[in-house]
């Protein structure tokens, strides 16, 4: 799952509100200052990577509106069956934080579900690839640091 979550240019694959992310080529790195482009307007949304621990944790600060900042934390926990449990935490701060919480909670809940579905599809595809390789007597080839 980190191949999507750890690569800012792929965030629009699970964030239904972004069409692209500017300012990054390659993996997420703590200290990056990026700009997400809204799917419905040409509005640029400042995105700061606070922490990026590959295959484990991503923390971002998003300045959603002038008086609203959200801190998103994604924690990835591997399962014994080869999948990943994704935990998402949201902290909202700012003058308009209280009225923004329900909308941001809903929006990030949708994104978490899309990310979960994507993770499930990737895990299923890896398992099928490994099963086919075992049937052929070959060793499956996975991307860097991935297991079936």
Protein backbone atom coordinates (compact mmCIF):
# COMPACT_ATOMS: atom_id res chain seq x y z
CA UNK A 1 0.00 0.00 0.00
CA UNK A 2 2.95 2.30 0.59
CA UNK A 3 3.55 2.48 -3.16
CA UNK A 4 0.40 4.64 -3.37
CA UNK A 5 0.39 6.37 0.03
CA UNK A 6 4.15 7.06 0.00
CA UNK A 7 4.14 8.66 -3.45
CA UNK A 8 2.47 12.10 -3.54
CA UNK A 9 1.90 11.98 -7.29
CA UNK A 10 -0.36 8.94 -6.68
CA UNK A 11 -2.48 10.51 -3.91
CA UNK A 12 -5.29 11.38 -6.38
CA UNK A 13 -5.80 7.60 -6.77
CA UNK A 14 -7.43 7.53 -3.32
CA UNK A 15 -8.15 11.19 -2.52
CA UNK A 16 -11.39 11.88 -4.36
CA UNK A 17 -10.87 15.64 -3.95
CA UNK A 18 -7.48 15.90 -5.71
CA UNK A 19 -6.76 15.78 -9.40
CA UNK A 20 -2.96 16.02 -9.00
CA UNK A 21 -0.18 16.99 -6.61
CA UNK A 22 2.49 19.49 -7.63
CA UNK A 23 5.99 19.80 -6.23
CA UNK A 24 6.96 16.17 -5.85
CA UNK A 25 8.63 13.53 -7.93
CA UNK A 26 9.27 10.30 -6.09
CA UNK A 27 8.54 9.31 -2.51
CA UNK A 28 7.08 11.43 0.28
CA UNK A 29 9.80 12.94 2.46
CA UNK A 30 9.37 14.78 5.75
CA UNK A 31 9.59 18.52 5.19
CA UNK A 32 8.13 18.52 1.68
CA UNK A 33 5.85 21.44 0.80
CA UNK A 34 3.44 20.35 -1.92
CA UNK A 35 0.32 21.73 -3.58
CA UNK A 36 -2.73 19.57 -4.20
CA UNK A 37 -4.97 20.65 -7.08
CA UNK A 38 -8.69 20.38 -6.35
CA UNK A 39 -10.75 18.12 -8.61
CA UNK A 40 -13.59 20.68 -8.94
CA UNK A 41 -11.73 23.99 -9.09
CA UNK A 42 -8.22 25.14 -9.93
CA UNK A 43 -7.71 25.83 -6.24
CA UNK A 44 -4.27 24.89 -4.89
CA UNK A 45 -4.31 23.25 -1.46
CA UNK A 46 -1.06 23.48 0.56
CA UNK A 47 0.08 20.02 1.71
CA UNK A 48 3.06 19.61 4.04
CA UNK A 49 4.60 16.22 4.75
CA UNK A 50 5.38 16.21 8.48
CA UNK A 51 6.54 12.59 8.79
CA UNK A 52 7.08 9.77 6.30
CA UNK A 53 8.20 6.37 7.60
CA UNK A 54 8.09 3.96 4.63
CA UNK A 55 5.63 1.10 5.03
CA UNK A 56 4.61 2.44 8.49
CA UNK A 57 3.33 6.00 8.83
CA UNK A 58 2.57 9.21 6.94
CA UNK A 59 1.64 12.49 8.65
CA UNK A 60 0.48 15.52 6.63
CA UNK A 61 -0.72 19.02 7.44
CA UNK A 62 -3.33 20.30 5.03
CA UNK A 63 -4.40 23.94 4.98
CA UNK A 64 -7.93 23.24 3.84
CA UNK A 65 -9.16 26.84 4.17
CA UNK A 66 -7.71 30.10 5.51
CA UNK A 67 -8.93 29.39 9.05
CA UNK A 68 -8.78 25.57 8.97
CA UNK A 69 -5.76 23.29 9.15
CA UNK A 70 -6.02 19.53 9.37
CA UNK A 71 -3.36 17.06 10.38
CA UNK A 72 -3.85 13.64 8.80
CA UNK A 73 -2.04 10.60 10.12
CA UNK A 74 -2.02 7.30 8.23
CA UNK A 75 -0.65 4.29 10.12
CA UNK A 76 -0.05 1.06 8.19
CA UNK A 77 -0.02 -2.19 10.15
CA UNK A 78 0.76 -5.45 8.32
CA UNK A 79 -1.55 -8.40 8.92
CA UNK A 80 -0.58 -12.05 9.22
CA UNK A 81 -2.37 -12.81 5.93
CA UNK A 82 -0.23 -10.37 3.97
CA UNK A 83 -2.66 -7.44 3.95
CA UNK A 84 -2.48 -4.09 5.65
CA UNK A 85 -4.65 -2.43 8.28
CA UNK A 86 -4.87 1.31 7.58
CA UNK A 87 -5.65 3.60 10.52
CA UNK A 88 -6.47 7.23 9.75
CA UNK A 89 -6.50 9.95 12.42
CA UNK A 90 -7.66 13.52 11.83
CA UNK A 91 -6.96 16.60 13.96
CA UNK A 92 -8.59 19.88 12.89
CA UNK A 93 -7.36 23.26 14.14
CA UNK A 94 -8.16 26.89 13.48
CA UNK A 95 -10.81 29.52 13.93
CA UNK A 96 -13.37 27.65 11.79
CA UNK A 97 -12.34 24.16 12.89
CA UNK A 98 -15.51 23.32 14.82
CA UNK A 99 -17.96 23.90 11.93
CA UNK A 100 -15.54 22.21 9.47
CA UNK A 101 -15.15 18.97 11.45
CA UNK A 102 -18.26 17.11 10.15
CA UNK A 103 -17.42 17.86 6.51
CA UNK A 104 -13.74 16.95 6.92
CA UNK A 105 -14.63 13.79 8.86
CA UNK A 106 -16.92 12.70 6.02
CA UNK A 107 -14.42 13.62 3.30
CA UNK A 108 -11.53 11.80 4.96
CA UNK A 109 -13.78 8.82 5.70
CA UNK A 110 -14.52 8.53 1.98
CA UNK A 111 -10.81 8.76 1.17
CA UNK A 112 -9.99 6.10 3.79
CA UNK A 113 -12.55 3.74 2.23
CA UNK A 114 -11.14 4.30 -1.26
CA UNK A 115 -7.60 3.69 0.06
CA UNK A 116 -8.79 0.52 1.82
CA UNK A 117 -10.44 -0.79 -1.37
CA UNK A 118 -7.28 -0.06 -3.33
CA UNK A 119 -5.18 -1.84 -0.72
CA UNK A 120 -7.47 -4.87 -0.86
CA UNK A 121 -7.21 -5.04 -4.67
CA UNK A 122 -3.40 -4.81 -4.54
CA UNK A 123 -3.17 -7.54 -1.89
CA UNK A 124 -5.50 -9.83 -3.86
CA UNK A 125 -3.49 -9.27 -7.05
CA UNK A 126 -0.22 -10.11 -5.24
CA UNK A 127 -1.69 -13.30 -3.81
CA UNK A 128 -2.89 -14.41 -7.25
CA UNK A 129 0.52 -13.66 -8.74
CA UNK A 130 2.24 -15.68 -6.01
CA UNK A 131 -0.19 -18.59 -6.47
CA UNK A 132 0.38 -18.66 -10.24
CA UNK A 133 4.14 -18.56 -9.72
CA UNK A 134 3.96 -21.48 -7.27
CA UNK A 135 1.94 -23.49 -9.80
CA UNK A 136 4.60 -22.85 -12.41
CA UNK A 137 7.40 -23.66 -9.98
CA UNK A 138 8.85 -20.18 -10.23
CA UNK A 139 9.53 -17.63 -7.53
CA UNK A 140 7.25 -14.56 -7.76
CA UNK A 141 8.82 -11.17 -8.37
CA UNK A 142 7.54 -8.30 -6.23
CA UNK A 143 8.35 -4.63 -6.06
CA UNK A 144 10.98 -3.48 -3.62
CA UNK A 145 10.09 -4.45 -0.04
CA UNK A 146 6.75 -6.12 -0.83
CA UNK A 147 5.56 -9.56 0.10
CA UNK A 148 2.57 -11.55 -1.17
